[in-house]
Amino acid sequence: MNKAELIETITQKITLARKDVEAVLDAFEETTIATLKSGGEVTLTGFGTFMTKRREARMGVNPQHPEERIQIPAVTVPKFKAGKNLKEALK
């Protein structure tokens, strides 16, 4: 399901205009990104938690030249931990 399909599905389930649902999803996305950038977490009780994790720099192998070692830089990556309700729903 992509964003447009999600907006359409939510619009059919509740009595909000398509543009209002789109605005809410956009605001959620912007707020979540801003919170994660500042080092925080976004928790939706029962659904899950969005967080960031720091992956340290490490040595890797160049896939084009397997004998060559390359330095992979440190990076911050997004993580999602499923909540209890989501886990139960998928069992």
N, C-alpha and C. Protein backbone atom coordinates (compact mmCIF):
# COMPACT_ATOMS: atom_id res chain seq x y z
N MET A 1 0.85 -1.17 0.00
CA MET A 1 0.00 0.00 0.00
C MET A 1 0.90 1.23 0.00
N ASN A 2 0.66 2.11 -0.94
CA ASN A 2 1.43 3.36 -0.97
C ASN A 2 0.64 4.48 -0.28
N LYS A 3 1.20 5.67 -0.26
CA LYS A 3 0.59 6.78 0.47
C LYS A 3 -0.79 7.14 -0.08
N ALA A 4 -0.92 7.17 -1.40
CA ALA A 4 -2.21 7.52 -2.02
C ALA A 4 -3.28 6.49 -1.65
N GLU A 5 -2.91 5.22 -1.65
CA GLU A 5 -3.87 4.17 -1.28
C GLU A 5 -4.24 4.26 0.19
N LEU A 6 -3.27 4.59 1.03
CA LEU A 6 -3.54 4.76 2.46
C LEU A 6 -4.50 5.92 2.68
N ILE A 7 -4.27 7.03 2.02
CA ILE A 7 -5.16 8.19 2.13
C ILE A 7 -6.57 7.82 1.70
N GLU A 8 -6.70 7.10 0.60
CA GLU A 8 -8.02 6.70 0.09
C GLU A 8 -8.72 5.76 1.08
N THR A 9 -7.98 4.82 1.65
CA THR A 9 -8.56 3.87 2.60
C THR A 9 -9.05 4.58 3.85
N ILE A 10 -8.24 5.50 4.38
CA ILE A 10 -8.63 6.25 5.58
C ILE A 10 -9.83 7.14 5.27
N THR A 11 -9.85 7.75 4.10
CA THR A 11 -10.97 8.61 3.69
C THR A 11 -12.27 7.82 3.67
N GLN A 12 -12.21 6.57 3.22
CA GLN A 12 -13.41 5.74 3.17
C GLN A 12 -13.86 5.28 4.56
N LYS A 13 -12.91 5.11 5.49
CA LYS A 13 -13.24 4.62 6.83
C LYS A 13 -13.83 5.70 7.74
N ILE A 14 -13.36 6.94 7.57
CA ILE A 14 -13.85 8.02 8.43
C ILE A 14 -14.37 9.16 7.55
N THR A 15 -15.14 10.01 8.15
CA THR A 15 -15.76 11.08 7.38
C THR A 15 -14.92 12.35 7.38
N LEU A 16 -13.76 12.24 6.75
CA LEU A 16 -12.90 13.40 6.54
C LEU A 16 -12.64 13.53 5.05
N ALA A 17 -12.43 14.75 4.62
CA ALA A 17 -12.12 14.98 3.20
C ALA A 17 -10.72 14.44 2.90
N ARG A 18 -10.52 14.07 1.66
CA ARG A 18 -9.23 13.52 1.22
C ARG A 18 -8.09 14.49 1.53
N LYS A 19 -8.31 15.79 1.28
CA LYS A 19 -7.25 16.77 1.54
C LYS A 19 -6.92 16.88 3.02
N ASP A 20 -7.92 16.67 3.89
CA ASP A 20 -7.68 16.71 5.33
C ASP A 20 -6.86 15.50 5.79
N VAL A 21 -7.18 14.33 5.26
CA VAL A 21 -6.43 13.12 5.60
C VAL A 21 -4.99 13.26 5.11
N GLU A 22 -4.82 13.79 3.90
CA GLU A 22 -3.48 14.00 3.35
C GLU A 22 -2.68 14.97 4.22
N ALA A 23 -3.34 16.03 4.69
CA ALA A 23 -2.68 17.02 5.55
C ALA A 23 -2.24 16.39 6.87
N VAL A 24 -3.08 15.54 7.45
CA VAL A 24 -2.74 14.87 8.70
C VAL A 24 -1.54 13.94 8.51
N LEU A 25 -1.55 13.15 7.43
CA LEU A 25 -0.42 12.26 7.17
C LEU A 25 0.87 13.04 6.92
N ASP A 26 0.78 14.13 6.18
CA ASP A 26 1.96 14.96 5.93
C ASP A 26 2.50 15.55 7.24
N ALA A 27 1.59 16.01 8.10
CA ALA A 27 2.01 16.57 9.39
C ALA A 27 2.65 15.49 10.27
N PHE A 28 2.10 14.29 10.25
CA PHE A 28 2.67 13.18 11.02
C PHE A 28 4.08 12.87 10.52
N GLU A 29 4.24 12.81 9.20
CA GLU A 29 5.55 12.52 8.61
C GLU A 29 6.57 13.59 8.99
N GLU A 30 6.21 14.86 8.83
CA GLU A 30 7.11 15.97 9.14
C GLU A 30 7.49 15.98 10.62
N THR A 31 6.51 15.78 11.49
CA THR A 31 6.75 15.79 12.94
C THR A 31 7.64 14.62 13.35
N THR A 32 7.38 13.45 12.78
CA THR A 32 8.19 12.27 13.10
C THR A 32 9.63 12.47 12.66
N ILE A 33 9.84 12.97 11.46
CA ILE A 33 11.20 13.21 10.95
C ILE A 33 11.92 14.24 11.83
N ALA A 34 11.25 15.32 12.17
CA ALA A 34 11.87 16.36 13.00
C ALA A 34 12.25 15.80 14.38
N THR A 35 11.37 14.99 14.96
CA THR A 35 11.64 14.40 16.27
C THR A 35 12.83 13.45 16.21
N LEU A 36 12.87 12.61 15.17
CA LEU A 36 13.99 11.67 15.03
C LEU A 36 15.31 12.39 14.77
N LYS A 37 15.26 13.46 13.97
CA LYS A 37 16.47 14.24 13.71
C LYS A 37 17.04 14.85 14.99
N SER A 38 16.16 15.22 15.91
CA SER A 38 16.62 15.83 17.16
C SER A 38 17.00 14.79 18.20
N GLY A 39 16.94 13.51 17.84
CA GLY A 39 17.36 12.45 18.74
C GLY A 39 16.25 11.85 19.58
N GLY A 40 15.02 12.24 19.33
CA GLY A 40 13.89 11.72 20.11
C GLY A 40 13.29 10.46 19.52
N GLU A 41 12.25 9.99 20.16
CA GLU A 41 11.49 8.83 19.71
C GLU A 41 10.04 9.21 19.56
N VAL A 42 9.33 8.51 18.67
CA VAL A 42 7.89 8.70 18.51
C VAL A 42 7.23 7.37 18.84
N THR A 43 6.43 7.36 19.90
CA THR A 43 5.78 6.12 20.35
C THR A 43 4.28 6.23 20.15
N LEU A 44 3.72 5.27 19.44
CA LEU A 44 2.28 5.13 19.29
C LEU A 44 1.91 3.88 20.08
N THR A 45 1.40 4.07 21.28
CA THR A 45 1.14 2.98 22.20
C THR A 45 0.34 1.88 21.53
N GLY A 46 0.86 0.67 21.63
CA GLY A 46 0.20 -0.49 21.03
C GLY A 46 0.63 -0.75 19.60
N PHE A 47 0.98 0.29 18.87
CA PHE A 47 1.39 0.14 17.47
C PHE A 47 2.89 -0.05 17.34
N GLY A 48 3.66 0.88 17.93
CA GLY A 48 5.10 0.74 17.87
C GLY A 48 5.83 2.04 18.14
N THR A 49 7.16 1.96 18.04
CA THR A 49 8.03 3.10 18.33
C THR A 49 8.99 3.33 17.17
N PHE A 50 9.06 4.57 16.73
CA PHE A 50 10.04 4.97 15.73
C PHE A 50 11.22 5.57 16.49
N MET A 51 12.43 5.16 16.14
CA MET A 51 13.63 5.65 16.82
C MET A 51 14.79 5.66 15.83
N THR A 52 15.93 6.19 16.27
CA THR A 52 17.13 6.14 15.44
C THR A 52 18.19 5.33 16.16
N LYS A 53 19.09 4.80 15.38
CA LYS A 53 20.20 4.02 15.93
C LYS A 53 21.46 4.44 15.18
N ARG A 54 22.54 4.55 15.91
CA ARG A 54 23.83 4.95 15.32
C ARG A 54 24.61 3.70 14.94
N ARG A 55 24.98 3.59 13.67
CA ARG A 55 25.86 2.51 13.22
C ARG A 55 27.25 3.09 13.09
N GLU A 56 28.18 2.53 13.82
CA GLU A 56 29.55 3.03 13.83
C GLU A 56 30.26 2.74 12.51
N ALA A 57 31.33 3.48 12.26
CA ALA A 57 32.16 3.26 11.07
C ALA A 57 32.79 1.87 11.15
N ARG A 58 32.97 1.26 9.99
CA ARG A 58 33.56 -0.07 9.97
C ARG A 58 34.25 -0.31 8.63
N MET A 59 35.04 -1.36 8.60
CA MET A 59 35.70 -1.75 7.36
C MET A 59 34.79 -2.71 6.61
N GLY A 60 34.77 -2.56 5.28
CA GLY A 60 33.96 -3.42 4.44
C GLY A 60 34.75 -3.88 3.23
N VAL A 61 34.10 -4.62 2.35
CA VAL A 61 34.73 -5.13 1.14
C VAL A 61 34.08 -4.46 -0.06
N ASN A 62 34.90 -3.98 -0.98
CA ASN A 62 34.42 -3.39 -2.22
C ASN A 62 33.83 -4.51 -3.08
N PRO A 63 32.53 -4.47 -3.40
CA PRO A 63 31.92 -5.56 -4.16
C PRO A 63 32.47 -5.68 -5.59
N GLN A 64 33.00 -4.60 -6.14
CA GLN A 64 33.56 -4.66 -7.49
C GLN A 64 34.97 -5.24 -7.49
N HIS A 65 35.68 -5.10 -6.37
CA HIS A 65 37.04 -5.62 -6.20
C HIS A 65 37.12 -6.26 -4.82
N PRO A 66 36.71 -7.53 -4.69
CA PRO A 66 36.61 -8.17 -3.37
C PRO A 66 37.90 -8.17 -2.55
N GLU A 67 39.04 -8.05 -3.19
CA GLU A 67 40.29 -8.03 -2.43
C GLU A 67 40.55 -6.66 -1.80
N GLU A 68 39.81 -5.65 -2.23
CA GLU A 68 40.00 -4.29 -1.74
C GLU A 68 39.12 -4.01 -0.52
N ARG A 69 39.70 -3.51 0.55
CA ARG A 69 38.96 -3.13 1.76
C ARG A 69 38.62 -1.64 1.68
N ILE A 70 37.41 -1.29 2.11
CA ILE A 70 36.99 0.10 2.09
C ILE A 70 36.46 0.49 3.47
N GLN A 71 36.52 1.77 3.77
CA GLN A 71 36.00 2.30 5.03
C GLN A 71 34.54 2.70 4.82
N ILE A 72 33.65 2.14 5.61
CA ILE A 72 32.23 2.50 5.57
C ILE A 72 32.01 3.51 6.70
N PRO A 73 31.52 4.72 6.39
CA PRO A 73 31.39 5.75 7.42
C PRO A 73 30.26 5.46 8.41
N ALA A 74 30.33 6.10 9.56
CA ALA A 74 29.26 6.00 10.57
C ALA A 74 28.00 6.67 10.01
N VAL A 75 26.86 6.14 10.41
CA VAL A 75 25.60 6.68 9.91
C VAL A 75 24.50 6.47 10.96
N THR A 76 23.52 7.35 10.96
CA THR A 76 22.35 7.20 11.80
C THR A 76 21.22 6.64 10.94
N VAL A 77 20.60 5.56 11.39
CA VAL A 77 19.56 4.90 10.61
C VAL A 77 18.25 4.88 11.39
N PRO A 78 17.11 4.91 10.69
CA PRO A 78 15.82 4.83 11.37
C PRO A 78 15.52 3.38 11.76
N LYS A 79 14.83 3.22 12.87
CA LYS A 79 14.42 1.90 13.36
C LYS A 79 12.96 1.96 13.75
N PHE A 80 12.29 0.81 13.69
CA PHE A 80 10.91 0.71 14.14
C PHE A 80 10.78 -0.55 14.99
N LYS A 81 10.22 -0.39 16.17
CA LYS A 81 9.97 -1.54 17.05
C LYS A 81 8.46 -1.69 17.18
N ALA A 82 7.95 -2.83 16.75
CA ALA A 82 6.51 -3.08 16.78
C ALA A 82 6.00 -3.17 18.21
N GLY A 83 4.80 -2.64 18.41
CA GLY A 83 4.16 -2.69 19.72
C GLY A 83 3.34 -3.96 19.89
N LYS A 84 2.82 -4.16 21.08
CA LYS A 84 2.11 -5.38 21.44
C LYS A 84 0.88 -5.62 20.56
N ASN A 85 0.06 -4.60 20.35
CA ASN A 85 -1.16 -4.77 19.54
C ASN A 85 -0.83 -5.16 18.11
N LEU A 86 0.19 -4.56 17.53
CA LEU A 86 0.59 -4.90 16.16
C LEU A 86 1.10 -6.33 16.09
N LYS A 87 1.92 -6.72 17.05
CA LYS A 87 2.45 -8.09 17.07
C LYS A 87 1.33 -9.11 17.20
N GLU A 88 0.36 -8.83 18.10
CA GLU A 88 -0.76 -9.75 18.30
C GLU A 88 -1.62 -9.84 17.06
N ALA A 89 -1.84 -8.74 16.37
CA ALA A 89 -2.67 -8.72 15.17
C ALA A 89 -2.07 -9.55 14.04
N LEU A 90 -0.75 -9.65 14.02
CA LEU A 90 -0.08 -10.37 12.93
C LEU A 90 0.14 -11.84 13.23
N LYS A 91 -0.21 -12.30 14.40
CA LYS A 91 -0.01 -13.72 14.75
C LYS A 91 -1.04 -14.57 14.07
